[in-house]
Amino acid sequence: MISLQEVNEKYIDVLKEIGNIGAGNATTAIANMLGLRIDMSVPQVQFLPVEEIGSSIGAEDDVIVGIMLGVETDIEGSMMFLLDMDSAHHLVNRLMMRPDDYAEEFDEMDLSAIKEIGNIIAGSYLSALSGLTNLVITPTVPFVAVDMAAAILSVPAVQFGMFGDNALMIKTEFSDELKINGYFILMPEEDSYEKILSALGLPV
């Protein structure tokens, strides 16, 4: 089994390519959905132990929005898309055509909108991964949580049964007038991770 260090040294370019295509697809999809021109920074890609995800994102007691879903068919695992509260409000306000400073607690309709945004973004990353690997990757129905980062990051373990010990984390910054920070996290089970690398023609 290859080590994390080897993955980050040898395969980071391939992982970055997945990040670039996925983030590019997601940016286009969000821009079309909101009728905006959105620029994207080059994604930062890391492959790291699951327990280090929280500290890579920010303070554990920061309230964030998490969109979580399972991944199945040719590979199995779980994935999340995380947004800070400012980014989430900004996206929802744009979608609902509200003033940008509207910051009331999210209601059912807002959460449904976040779920839809999450669906589009997750689909963008998964289709990038699917296109590069020729694997069939199917997302399950998403699940949205608004909570402290520590609580949200513990959800996949309970909700999906934590599959692997390691995760692929892609940080993407989108910007129109405001900056939107998003983190895409893919947690494949160990067999699936090896399957992804093999499908990319990389030795495992």
N, C-alpha and C. Protein backbone atom coordinates (compact mmCIF):
# COMPACT_ATOMS: atom_id res chain seq x y z
N MET A 1 0.86 -1.20 0.00
CA MET A 1 0.00 0.00 0.00
C MET A 1 0.89 1.24 0.00
N ILE A 2 0.58 2.19 -0.90
CA ILE A 2 1.41 3.38 -0.98
C ILE A 2 1.13 4.32 0.18
N SER A 3 2.13 5.07 0.58
CA SER A 3 1.98 5.98 1.72
C SER A 3 1.41 7.31 1.25
N LEU A 4 0.92 8.08 2.24
CA LEU A 4 0.38 9.41 1.94
C LEU A 4 1.43 10.28 1.29
N GLN A 5 2.67 10.16 1.81
CA GLN A 5 3.75 10.99 1.28
C GLN A 5 3.99 10.68 -0.20
N GLU A 6 3.97 9.38 -0.51
CA GLU A 6 4.17 8.97 -1.91
C GLU A 6 3.06 9.51 -2.80
N VAL A 7 1.82 9.43 -2.28
CA VAL A 7 0.68 9.92 -3.06
C VAL A 7 0.88 11.41 -3.33
N ASN A 8 1.21 12.15 -2.27
CA ASN A 8 1.33 13.60 -2.43
C ASN A 8 2.52 13.99 -3.31
N GLU A 9 3.56 13.16 -3.32
CA GLU A 9 4.72 13.47 -4.17
C GLU A 9 4.49 13.03 -5.62
N LYS A 10 4.07 11.77 -5.79
CA LYS A 10 3.99 11.20 -7.13
C LYS A 10 2.72 11.57 -7.88
N TYR A 11 1.61 11.61 -7.16
CA TYR A 11 0.33 11.67 -7.84
C TYR A 11 -0.38 13.00 -7.70
N ILE A 12 0.30 13.96 -7.06
CA ILE A 12 -0.37 15.23 -6.79
C ILE A 12 -0.80 15.93 -8.07
N ASP A 13 -0.03 15.78 -9.14
CA ASP A 13 -0.41 16.43 -10.41
C ASP A 13 -1.72 15.87 -10.95
N VAL A 14 -1.87 14.55 -10.80
CA VAL A 14 -3.11 13.92 -11.28
C VAL A 14 -4.28 14.36 -10.39
N LEU A 15 -4.04 14.39 -9.08
CA LEU A 15 -5.09 14.80 -8.16
C LEU A 15 -5.45 16.26 -8.41
N LYS A 16 -4.44 17.08 -8.73
CA LYS A 16 -4.70 18.50 -9.04
C LYS A 16 -5.54 18.62 -10.30
N GLU A 17 -5.26 17.74 -11.26
CA GLU A 17 -6.02 17.77 -12.51
C GLU A 17 -7.50 17.48 -12.23
N ILE A 18 -7.76 16.49 -11.35
CA ILE A 18 -9.14 16.20 -10.96
C ILE A 18 -9.75 17.44 -10.31
N GLY A 19 -8.96 18.07 -9.42
CA GLY A 19 -9.41 19.29 -8.74
C GLY A 19 -9.71 20.41 -9.71
N ASN A 20 -8.81 20.60 -10.67
CA ASN A 20 -8.97 21.68 -11.65
C ASN A 20 -10.21 21.50 -12.50
N ILE A 21 -10.37 20.28 -13.04
CA ILE A 21 -11.53 20.02 -13.92
C ILE A 21 -12.83 20.10 -13.12
N GLY A 22 -12.82 19.47 -11.94
CA GLY A 22 -14.03 19.49 -11.08
C GLY A 22 -14.42 20.90 -10.69
N ALA A 23 -13.42 21.67 -10.25
CA ALA A 23 -13.71 23.05 -9.82
C ALA A 23 -14.14 23.90 -11.01
N GLY A 24 -13.53 23.66 -12.17
CA GLY A 24 -13.92 24.40 -13.38
C GLY A 24 -15.36 24.10 -13.76
N ASN A 25 -15.71 22.80 -13.73
CA ASN A 25 -17.10 22.39 -14.03
C ASN A 25 -18.07 23.03 -13.03
N ALA A 26 -17.68 23.01 -11.74
CA ALA A 26 -18.55 23.54 -10.68
C ALA A 26 -18.74 25.04 -10.85
N THR A 27 -17.67 25.74 -11.19
CA THR A 27 -17.75 27.20 -11.38
C THR A 27 -18.71 27.54 -12.52
N THR A 28 -18.57 26.82 -13.63
CA THR A 28 -19.44 27.05 -14.78
C THR A 28 -20.90 26.78 -14.41
N ALA A 29 -21.11 25.67 -13.69
CA ALA A 29 -22.49 25.30 -13.31
C ALA A 29 -23.11 26.35 -12.39
N ILE A 30 -22.34 26.83 -11.40
CA ILE A 30 -22.87 27.83 -10.46
C ILE A 30 -23.12 29.16 -11.19
N ALA A 31 -22.17 29.53 -12.06
CA ALA A 31 -22.32 30.79 -12.81
C ALA A 31 -23.60 30.75 -13.66
N ASN A 32 -23.85 29.61 -14.31
CA ASN A 32 -25.07 29.47 -15.12
C ASN A 32 -26.32 29.51 -14.26
N MET A 33 -26.23 28.86 -13.10
CA MET A 33 -27.37 28.79 -12.20
C MET A 33 -27.74 30.18 -11.67
N LEU A 34 -26.71 30.99 -11.36
CA LEU A 34 -26.94 32.30 -10.76
C LEU A 34 -26.94 33.43 -11.79
N GLY A 35 -26.60 33.10 -13.04
CA GLY A 35 -26.54 34.14 -14.06
C GLY A 35 -25.43 35.14 -13.81
N LEU A 36 -24.30 34.66 -13.31
CA LEU A 36 -23.17 35.54 -12.96
C LEU A 36 -21.91 35.12 -13.69
N ARG A 37 -20.97 36.03 -13.75
CA ARG A 37 -19.64 35.65 -14.22
C ARG A 37 -18.83 35.39 -12.96
N ILE A 38 -18.30 34.18 -12.84
CA ILE A 38 -17.55 33.81 -11.63
C ILE A 38 -16.15 33.38 -12.02
N ASP A 39 -15.18 33.93 -11.32
CA ASP A 39 -13.79 33.53 -11.52
C ASP A 39 -13.40 32.51 -10.46
N MET A 40 -12.44 31.68 -10.78
CA MET A 40 -12.01 30.64 -9.84
C MET A 40 -10.50 30.69 -9.67
N SER A 41 -10.05 30.56 -8.43
CA SER A 41 -8.60 30.48 -8.21
C SER A 41 -8.16 29.04 -8.46
N VAL A 42 -6.86 28.84 -8.63
CA VAL A 42 -6.35 27.48 -8.83
C VAL A 42 -6.60 26.70 -7.54
N PRO A 43 -7.24 25.54 -7.64
CA PRO A 43 -7.55 24.79 -6.41
C PRO A 43 -6.29 24.30 -5.70
N GLN A 44 -6.37 24.28 -4.37
CA GLN A 44 -5.29 23.68 -3.57
C GLN A 44 -5.72 22.24 -3.29
N VAL A 45 -4.87 21.29 -3.61
CA VAL A 45 -5.23 19.89 -3.47
C VAL A 45 -4.32 19.20 -2.46
N GLN A 46 -4.91 18.47 -1.54
CA GLN A 46 -4.12 17.71 -0.57
C GLN A 46 -4.75 16.34 -0.39
N PHE A 47 -3.92 15.35 -0.14
CA PHE A 47 -4.42 14.04 0.26
C PHE A 47 -3.94 13.88 1.69
N LEU A 48 -4.87 13.75 2.64
CA LEU A 48 -4.45 13.79 4.04
C LEU A 48 -5.31 12.87 4.91
N PRO A 49 -4.81 12.55 6.12
CA PRO A 49 -5.61 11.71 7.03
C PRO A 49 -6.90 12.42 7.39
N VAL A 50 -7.98 11.65 7.51
CA VAL A 50 -9.30 12.21 7.79
C VAL A 50 -9.28 13.10 9.04
N GLU A 51 -8.53 12.69 10.07
CA GLU A 51 -8.55 13.47 11.32
C GLU A 51 -7.91 14.86 11.17
N GLU A 52 -7.19 15.08 10.07
CA GLU A 52 -6.56 16.40 9.89
C GLU A 52 -7.41 17.36 9.07
N ILE A 53 -8.56 16.89 8.58
CA ILE A 53 -9.40 17.74 7.73
C ILE A 53 -9.85 18.98 8.50
N GLY A 54 -10.33 18.77 9.73
CA GLY A 54 -10.87 19.89 10.52
C GLY A 54 -9.89 21.03 10.67
N SER A 55 -8.66 20.71 11.07
CA SER A 55 -7.68 21.78 11.31
C SER A 55 -7.24 22.44 10.01
N SER A 56 -7.41 21.73 8.88
CA SER A 56 -7.04 22.32 7.59
C SER A 56 -8.07 23.35 7.14
N ILE A 57 -9.28 23.23 7.66
CA ILE A 57 -10.36 24.11 7.22
C ILE A 57 -10.48 25.35 8.09
N GLY A 58 -10.27 25.20 9.39
CA GLY A 58 -10.39 26.36 10.28
C GLY A 58 -10.70 25.89 11.69
N ALA A 59 -11.22 26.81 12.50
CA ALA A 59 -11.50 26.49 13.90
C ALA A 59 -12.65 25.49 14.00
N GLU A 60 -12.49 24.54 14.92
CA GLU A 60 -13.50 23.48 15.06
C GLU A 60 -14.86 24.01 15.51
N ASP A 61 -14.86 25.20 16.19
CA ASP A 61 -16.14 25.73 16.66
C ASP A 61 -16.76 26.74 15.69
N ASP A 62 -16.15 26.93 14.52
CA ASP A 62 -16.77 27.77 13.49
C ASP A 62 -18.01 27.05 12.96
N VAL A 63 -19.11 27.78 12.79
CA VAL A 63 -20.31 27.18 12.21
C VAL A 63 -20.15 27.22 10.69
N ILE A 64 -20.36 26.07 10.06
CA ILE A 64 -20.22 25.95 8.61
C ILE A 64 -21.42 25.19 8.05
N VAL A 65 -21.51 25.15 6.73
CA VAL A 65 -22.56 24.37 6.07
C VAL A 65 -21.89 23.18 5.40
N GLY A 66 -22.43 22.01 5.65
CA GLY A 66 -21.87 20.80 5.04
C GLY A 66 -22.93 20.10 4.20
N ILE A 67 -22.57 19.76 2.97
CA ILE A 67 -23.45 18.98 2.10
C ILE A 67 -22.77 17.63 1.94
N MET A 68 -23.42 16.58 2.40
CA MET A 68 -22.79 15.26 2.43
C MET A 68 -23.56 14.25 1.60
N LEU A 69 -22.83 13.38 0.95
CA LEU A 69 -23.51 12.30 0.23
C LEU A 69 -22.60 11.09 0.11
N GLY A 70 -23.21 9.98 -0.17
CA GLY A 70 -22.44 8.75 -0.39
C GLY A 70 -22.07 8.64 -1.85
N VAL A 71 -21.07 7.83 -2.12
CA VAL A 71 -20.62 7.58 -3.49
C VAL A 71 -20.66 6.08 -3.70
N GLU A 72 -21.23 5.64 -4.83
CA GLU A 72 -21.34 4.19 -5.04
C GLU A 72 -21.16 3.80 -6.50
N THR A 73 -21.41 2.58 -6.81
CA THR A 73 -21.24 1.90 -8.11
C THR A 73 -19.80 1.39 -8.22
N ASP A 74 -18.96 1.96 -9.15
CA ASP A 74 -17.60 1.41 -9.30
C ASP A 74 -16.69 1.71 -8.12
N ILE A 75 -16.92 2.85 -7.46
CA ILE A 75 -16.15 3.12 -6.23
C ILE A 75 -17.14 3.40 -5.11
N GLU A 76 -16.68 3.19 -3.88
CA GLU A 76 -17.55 3.45 -2.73
C GLU A 76 -16.85 4.38 -1.77
N GLY A 77 -17.64 5.17 -1.06
CA GLY A 77 -17.07 6.08 -0.09
C GLY A 77 -18.09 7.16 0.22
N SER A 78 -17.61 8.29 0.69
CA SER A 78 -18.50 9.42 0.95
C SER A 78 -17.81 10.68 0.52
N MET A 79 -18.58 11.74 0.32
CA MET A 79 -17.99 13.00 -0.05
C MET A 79 -18.75 14.13 0.62
N MET A 80 -18.07 15.27 0.76
CA MET A 80 -18.69 16.43 1.37
C MET A 80 -18.29 17.67 0.60
N PHE A 81 -19.17 18.65 0.61
CA PHE A 81 -18.79 19.97 0.14
C PHE A 81 -19.08 20.90 1.30
N LEU A 82 -18.06 21.64 1.76
CA LEU A 82 -18.20 22.51 2.93
C LEU A 82 -18.08 23.96 2.51
N LEU A 83 -18.93 24.81 3.10
CA LEU A 83 -18.90 26.24 2.84
C LEU A 83 -18.90 26.99 4.16
N ASP A 84 -18.16 28.12 4.25
CA ASP A 84 -18.31 28.94 5.45
C ASP A 84 -19.67 29.66 5.35
N MET A 85 -20.12 30.20 6.47
CA MET A 85 -21.49 30.76 6.51
C MET A 85 -21.65 31.94 5.57
N ASP A 86 -20.63 32.79 5.46
CA ASP A 86 -20.74 33.96 4.57
C ASP A 86 -20.94 33.50 3.13
N SER A 87 -20.15 32.48 2.73
CA SER A 87 -20.26 31.96 1.35
C SER A 87 -21.63 31.34 1.11
N ALA A 88 -22.12 30.58 2.10
CA ALA A 88 -23.42 29.92 1.96
C ALA A 88 -24.53 30.96 1.83
N HIS A 89 -24.50 31.99 2.70
CA HIS A 89 -25.52 33.05 2.63
C HIS A 89 -25.45 33.77 1.28
N HIS A 90 -24.25 34.03 0.83
CA HIS A 90 -24.06 34.74 -0.43
C HIS A 90 -24.70 33.95 -1.58
N LEU A 91 -24.42 32.65 -1.63
CA LEU A 91 -24.97 31.82 -2.71
C LEU A 91 -26.49 31.74 -2.63
N VAL A 92 -27.02 31.52 -1.42
CA VAL A 92 -28.47 31.38 -1.25
C VAL A 92 -29.17 32.71 -1.57
N ASN A 93 -28.60 33.83 -1.10
CA ASN A 93 -29.21 35.14 -1.38
C ASN A 93 -29.27 35.41 -2.88
N ARG A 94 -28.21 35.03 -3.57
CA ARG A 94 -28.19 35.22 -5.02
C ARG A 94 -29.28 34.37 -5.68
N LEU A 95 -29.39 33.14 -5.22
CA LEU A 95 -30.36 32.21 -5.80
C LEU A 95 -31.79 32.67 -5.53
N MET A 96 -32.01 33.20 -4.31
CA MET A 96 -33.35 33.63 -3.91
C MET A 96 -33.63 35.09 -4.28
N MET A 97 -32.65 35.74 -4.93
CA MET A 97 -32.77 37.15 -5.32
C MET A 97 -33.09 38.05 -4.13
N ARG A 98 -32.32 37.83 -3.05
CA ARG A 98 -32.47 38.64 -1.85
C ARG A 98 -31.32 39.65 -1.78
N PRO A 99 -31.44 40.68 -0.93
CA PRO A 99 -30.30 41.58 -0.73
C PRO A 99 -29.11 40.79 -0.18
N ASP A 100 -27.90 41.22 -0.52
CA ASP A 100 -26.72 40.45 -0.14
C ASP A 100 -26.45 40.45 1.36
N ASP A 101 -27.00 41.45 2.09
CA ASP A 101 -26.72 41.50 3.53
C ASP A 101 -27.76 40.71 4.34
N TYR A 102 -28.68 40.03 3.67
CA TYR A 102 -29.68 39.21 4.37
C TYR A 102 -28.96 38.04 5.04
N ALA A 103 -29.12 37.92 6.35
CA ALA A 103 -28.36 36.88 7.06
C ALA A 103 -29.21 36.17 8.11
N GLU A 104 -30.52 36.05 7.84
CA GLU A 104 -31.39 35.32 8.77
C GLU A 104 -31.02 33.84 8.76
N GLU A 105 -31.47 33.13 9.80
CA GLU A 105 -31.22 31.69 9.86
C GLU A 105 -31.84 31.02 8.63
N PHE A 106 -31.17 30.00 8.13
CA PHE A 106 -31.69 29.30 6.94
C PHE A 106 -33.01 28.60 7.25
N ASP A 107 -34.00 28.78 6.36
CA ASP A 107 -35.26 28.04 6.53
C ASP A 107 -35.24 26.82 5.60
N GLU A 108 -36.37 26.10 5.56
CA GLU A 108 -36.43 24.86 4.75
C GLU A 108 -36.12 25.12 3.28
N MET A 109 -36.65 26.25 2.76
CA MET A 109 -36.43 26.56 1.36
C MET A 109 -34.95 26.86 1.09
N ASP A 110 -34.32 27.57 2.03
CA ASP A 110 -32.88 27.87 1.90
C ASP A 110 -32.06 26.58 1.90
N LEU A 111 -32.41 25.69 2.82
CA LEU A 111 -31.66 24.43 2.92
C LEU A 111 -31.85 23.60 1.66
N SER A 112 -33.05 23.68 1.08
CA SER A 112 -33.31 22.96 -0.16
C SER A 112 -32.44 23.55 -1.29
N ALA A 113 -32.28 24.89 -1.28
CA ALA A 113 -31.44 25.56 -2.28
C ALA A 113 -29.98 25.15 -2.11
N ILE A 114 -29.54 25.07 -0.84
CA ILE A 114 -28.15 24.66 -0.55
C ILE A 114 -27.92 23.24 -1.04
N LYS A 115 -28.93 22.39 -0.82
CA LYS A 115 -28.82 21.00 -1.25
C LYS A 115 -28.66 20.92 -2.77
N GLU A 116 -29.41 21.78 -3.47
CA GLU A 116 -29.35 21.80 -4.93
C GLU A 116 -27.98 22.29 -5.40
N ILE A 117 -27.46 23.33 -4.73
CA ILE A 117 -26.11 23.84 -5.05
C ILE A 117 -25.09 22.72 -4.82
N GLY A 118 -25.25 22.04 -3.68
CA GLY A 118 -24.33 20.93 -3.34
C GLY A 118 -24.39 19.82 -4.37
N ASN A 119 -25.60 19.51 -4.82
CA ASN A 119 -25.80 18.49 -5.85
C ASN A 119 -25.04 18.83 -7.12
N ILE A 120 -25.16 20.08 -7.53
CA ILE A 120 -24.51 20.54 -8.77
C ILE A 120 -22.99 20.48 -8.61
N ILE A 121 -22.50 20.98 -7.47
CA ILE A 121 -21.05 21.01 -7.24
C ILE A 121 -20.49 19.59 -7.14
N ALA A 122 -21.16 18.74 -6.35
CA ALA A 122 -20.70 17.36 -6.19
C ALA A 122 -20.71 16.65 -7.54
N GLY A 123 -21.78 16.87 -8.31
CA GLY A 123 -21.88 16.26 -9.63
C GLY A 123 -20.74 16.70 -10.54
N SER A 124 -20.34 17.97 -10.42
CA SER A 124 -19.24 18.51 -11.25
C SER A 124 -17.94 17.80 -10.95
N TYR A 125 -17.64 17.62 -9.66
CA TYR A 125 -16.40 16.94 -9.28
C TYR A 125 -16.44 15.46 -9.65
N LEU A 126 -17.58 14.84 -9.40
CA LEU A 126 -17.67 13.41 -9.70
C LEU A 126 -17.61 13.14 -11.20
N SER A 127 -18.18 14.05 -12.01
CA SER A 127 -18.10 13.81 -13.45
C SER A 127 -16.67 14.03 -13.94
N ALA A 128 -15.92 14.92 -13.29
CA ALA A 128 -14.50 15.11 -13.64
C ALA A 128 -13.74 13.82 -13.33
N LEU A 129 -13.99 13.27 -12.16
CA LEU A 129 -13.30 12.04 -11.74
C LEU A 129 -13.71 10.88 -12.64
N SER A 130 -15.00 10.82 -12.96
CA SER A 130 -15.52 9.76 -13.81
C SER A 130 -14.92 9.86 -15.22
N GLY A 131 -14.84 11.09 -15.73
CA GLY A 131 -14.30 11.31 -17.08
C GLY A 131 -12.84 10.92 -17.19
N LEU A 132 -12.08 11.18 -16.11
CA LEU A 132 -10.64 10.87 -16.14
C LEU A 132 -10.37 9.38 -15.92
N THR A 133 -11.27 8.71 -15.22
CA THR A 133 -11.01 7.31 -14.85
C THR A 133 -11.83 6.30 -15.65
N ASN A 134 -12.88 6.79 -16.33
CA ASN A 134 -13.85 5.90 -17.01
C ASN A 134 -14.57 4.98 -16.02
N LEU A 135 -14.62 5.38 -14.76
CA LEU A 135 -15.36 4.61 -13.76
C LEU A 135 -16.77 5.20 -13.65
N VAL A 136 -17.74 4.34 -13.36
CA VAL A 136 -19.10 4.83 -13.13
C VAL A 136 -19.21 5.19 -11.65
N ILE A 137 -19.48 6.48 -11.39
CA ILE A 137 -19.52 6.95 -10.00
C ILE A 137 -20.88 7.62 -9.77
N THR A 138 -21.66 7.07 -8.86
CA THR A 138 -23.03 7.56 -8.65
C THR A 138 -23.16 8.17 -7.26
N PRO A 139 -23.63 9.44 -7.17
CA PRO A 139 -23.85 10.02 -5.84
C PRO A 139 -25.20 9.60 -5.27
N THR A 140 -25.30 9.50 -3.96
CA THR A 140 -26.59 9.25 -3.31
C THR A 140 -27.27 10.60 -3.06
N VAL A 141 -28.47 10.58 -2.51
CA VAL A 141 -29.20 11.82 -2.21
C VAL A 141 -28.43 12.60 -1.15
N PRO A 142 -28.21 13.92 -1.37
CA PRO A 142 -27.43 14.68 -0.38
C PRO A 142 -28.19 14.96 0.90
N PHE A 143 -27.41 15.31 1.90
CA PHE A 143 -27.90 15.54 3.25
C PHE A 143 -27.19 16.83 3.69
N VAL A 144 -27.95 17.83 4.19
CA VAL A 144 -27.34 19.13 4.53
C VAL A 144 -27.33 19.33 6.04
N ALA A 145 -26.23 19.86 6.56
CA ALA A 145 -26.14 20.17 7.98
C ALA A 145 -25.52 21.56 8.15
N VAL A 146 -26.06 22.31 9.12
CA VAL A 146 -25.46 23.61 9.49
C VAL A 146 -25.07 23.45 10.94
N ASP A 147 -23.78 23.44 11.21
CA ASP A 147 -23.32 23.13 12.57
C ASP A 147 -21.86 23.53 12.70
N MET A 148 -21.31 23.29 13.90
CA MET A 148 -19.88 23.56 14.09
C MET A 148 -19.08 22.57 13.25
N ALA A 149 -17.94 23.03 12.76
CA ALA A 149 -17.12 22.21 11.86
C ALA A 149 -16.83 20.84 12.46
N ALA A 150 -16.50 20.81 13.76
CA ALA A 150 -16.16 19.53 14.40
C ALA A 150 -17.32 18.55 14.33
N ALA A 151 -18.55 19.08 14.53
CA ALA A 151 -19.74 18.21 14.50
C ALA A 151 -20.00 17.72 13.08
N ILE A 152 -19.88 18.61 12.11
CA ILE A 152 -20.15 18.21 10.71
C ILE A 152 -19.15 17.18 10.24
N LEU A 153 -17.89 17.36 10.62
CA LEU A 153 -16.86 16.43 10.15
C LEU A 153 -16.98 15.07 10.82
N SER A 154 -17.76 14.99 11.89
CA SER A 154 -17.96 13.68 12.53
C SER A 154 -19.15 12.96 11.90
N VAL A 155 -19.96 13.68 11.10
CA VAL A 155 -21.18 13.08 10.53
C VAL A 155 -20.89 11.92 9.58
N PRO A 156 -19.92 12.06 8.64
CA PRO A 156 -19.74 10.94 7.70
C PRO A 156 -19.45 9.63 8.41
N ALA A 157 -18.74 9.70 9.53
CA ALA A 157 -18.40 8.49 10.27
C ALA A 157 -19.68 7.78 10.72
N VAL A 158 -20.67 8.58 11.13
CA VAL A 158 -21.91 8.01 11.63
C VAL A 158 -22.86 7.70 10.49
N GLN A 159 -23.01 8.67 9.58
CA GLN A 159 -24.00 8.58 8.52
C GLN A 159 -23.65 7.51 7.49
N PHE A 160 -22.41 7.49 7.09
CA PHE A 160 -22.02 6.59 6.01
C PHE A 160 -21.14 5.44 6.48
N GLY A 161 -20.71 5.48 7.76
CA GLY A 161 -19.70 4.53 8.22
C GLY A 161 -18.43 4.98 7.54
N MET A 162 -17.48 5.53 8.29
CA MET A 162 -16.29 6.10 7.66
C MET A 162 -15.57 5.01 6.89
N PHE A 163 -15.39 5.19 5.62
CA PHE A 163 -14.82 4.13 4.79
C PHE A 163 -13.31 4.03 4.92
N GLY A 164 -12.62 5.08 4.56
CA GLY A 164 -11.15 5.00 4.56
C GLY A 164 -10.56 5.86 5.65
N ASP A 165 -9.24 5.83 5.76
CA ASP A 165 -8.56 6.65 6.76
C ASP A 165 -8.10 7.96 6.14
N ASN A 166 -8.11 8.04 4.81
CA ASN A 166 -7.56 9.21 4.13
C ASN A 166 -8.60 9.87 3.24
N ALA A 167 -8.38 11.16 2.98
CA ALA A 167 -9.34 11.92 2.17
C ALA A 167 -8.60 12.78 1.17
N LEU A 168 -9.25 13.02 0.05
CA LEU A 168 -8.74 13.95 -0.95
C LEU A 168 -9.49 15.26 -0.69
N MET A 169 -8.75 16.33 -0.36
CA MET A 169 -9.39 17.61 -0.07
C MET A 169 -8.98 18.64 -1.12
N ILE A 170 -9.98 19.27 -1.73
CA ILE A 170 -9.73 20.27 -2.76
C ILE A 170 -10.35 21.58 -2.28
N LYS A 171 -9.50 22.58 -2.01
CA LYS A 171 -10.01 23.89 -1.60
C LYS A 171 -10.11 24.76 -2.84
N THR A 172 -11.29 25.31 -3.06
CA THR A 172 -11.51 26.16 -4.23
C THR A 172 -12.07 27.50 -3.79
N GLU A 173 -11.57 28.56 -4.37
CA GLU A 173 -12.07 29.90 -4.09
C GLU A 173 -12.75 30.40 -5.36
N PHE A 174 -14.05 30.67 -5.26
CA PHE A 174 -14.76 31.26 -6.39
C PHE A 174 -14.92 32.74 -6.07
N SER A 175 -15.00 33.59 -7.05
CA SER A 175 -15.28 34.98 -6.71
C SER A 175 -16.09 35.66 -7.78
N ASP A 176 -17.13 36.37 -7.34
CA ASP A 176 -17.77 37.34 -8.20
C ASP A 176 -17.48 38.67 -7.51
N GLU A 177 -18.48 39.32 -6.91
CA GLU A 177 -18.11 40.51 -6.12
C GLU A 177 -17.58 40.08 -4.75
N LEU A 178 -18.04 38.96 -4.28
CA LEU A 178 -17.61 38.45 -2.98
C LEU A 178 -16.86 37.15 -3.17
N LYS A 179 -16.02 36.83 -2.19
CA LYS A 179 -15.28 35.57 -2.28
C LYS A 179 -16.12 34.44 -1.71
N ILE A 180 -16.11 33.32 -2.40
CA ILE A 180 -16.80 32.13 -1.90
C ILE A 180 -15.74 31.06 -1.68
N ASN A 181 -15.62 30.60 -0.45
CA ASN A 181 -14.64 29.56 -0.15
C ASN A 181 -15.34 28.22 -0.02
N GLY A 182 -14.91 27.25 -0.78
CA GLY A 182 -15.52 25.94 -0.71
C GLY A 182 -14.48 24.85 -0.58
N TYR A 183 -14.80 23.80 0.15
CA TYR A 183 -13.91 22.65 0.30
C TYR A 183 -14.64 21.41 -0.17
N PHE A 184 -14.06 20.75 -1.13
CA PHE A 184 -14.62 19.48 -1.62
C PHE A 184 -13.77 18.36 -1.03
N ILE A 185 -14.41 17.42 -0.38
CA ILE A 185 -13.67 16.34 0.28
C ILE A 185 -14.22 14.99 -0.19
N LEU A 186 -13.35 14.17 -0.73
CA LEU A 186 -13.73 12.84 -1.19
C LEU A 186 -13.04 11.82 -0.30
N MET A 187 -13.82 10.94 0.29
CA MET A 187 -13.27 9.92 1.18
C MET A 187 -13.57 8.54 0.61
N PRO A 188 -12.73 8.06 -0.30
CA PRO A 188 -12.99 6.73 -0.86
C PRO A 188 -12.56 5.65 0.13
N GLU A 189 -13.22 4.49 0.06
CA GLU A 189 -12.71 3.39 0.88
C GLU A 189 -11.39 2.94 0.22
N GLU A 190 -10.58 2.20 0.99
CA GLU A 190 -9.22 1.90 0.54
C GLU A 190 -9.18 1.22 -0.84
N ASP A 191 -10.02 0.22 -1.06
CA ASP A 191 -10.05 -0.49 -2.35
C ASP A 191 -10.39 0.48 -3.48
N SER A 192 -11.32 1.39 -3.19
CA SER A 192 -11.76 2.34 -4.21
C SER A 192 -10.65 3.32 -4.56
N TYR A 193 -9.89 3.71 -3.55
CA TYR A 193 -8.80 4.65 -3.82
C TYR A 193 -7.78 4.01 -4.76
N GLU A 194 -7.47 2.75 -4.49
CA GLU A 194 -6.54 2.02 -5.36
C GLU A 194 -7.13 1.87 -6.76
N LYS A 195 -8.45 1.66 -6.81
CA LYS A 195 -9.13 1.52 -8.11
C LYS A 195 -9.02 2.82 -8.92
N ILE A 196 -9.16 3.97 -8.22
CA ILE A 196 -9.06 5.28 -8.89
C ILE A 196 -7.66 5.45 -9.48
N LEU A 197 -6.64 5.17 -8.67
CA LEU A 197 -5.27 5.33 -9.15
C LEU A 197 -4.96 4.37 -10.32
N SER A 198 -5.43 3.13 -10.20
CA SER A 198 -5.22 2.16 -11.29
C SER A 198 -5.90 2.62 -12.56
N ALA A 199 -7.14 3.15 -12.43
CA ALA A 199 -7.88 3.60 -13.61
C ALA A 199 -7.19 4.79 -14.26
N LEU A 200 -6.41 5.53 -13.48
CA LEU A 200 -5.67 6.66 -14.03
C LEU A 200 -4.32 6.21 -14.61
N GLY A 201 -4.10 4.88 -14.55
CA GLY A 201 -2.87 4.32 -15.13
C GLY A 201 -1.66 4.48 -14.22
N LEU A 202 -1.94 4.65 -12.91
CA LEU A 202 -0.83 4.84 -11.96
C LEU A 202 -0.60 3.56 -11.18
N PRO A 203 0.66 3.17 -10.93
CA PRO A 203 0.91 1.95 -10.17
C PRO A 203 0.52 2.13 -8.72
N VAL A 204 -0.08 1.09 -8.13
CA VAL A 204 -0.43 1.16 -6.70
C VAL A 204 0.21 -0.01 -5.96
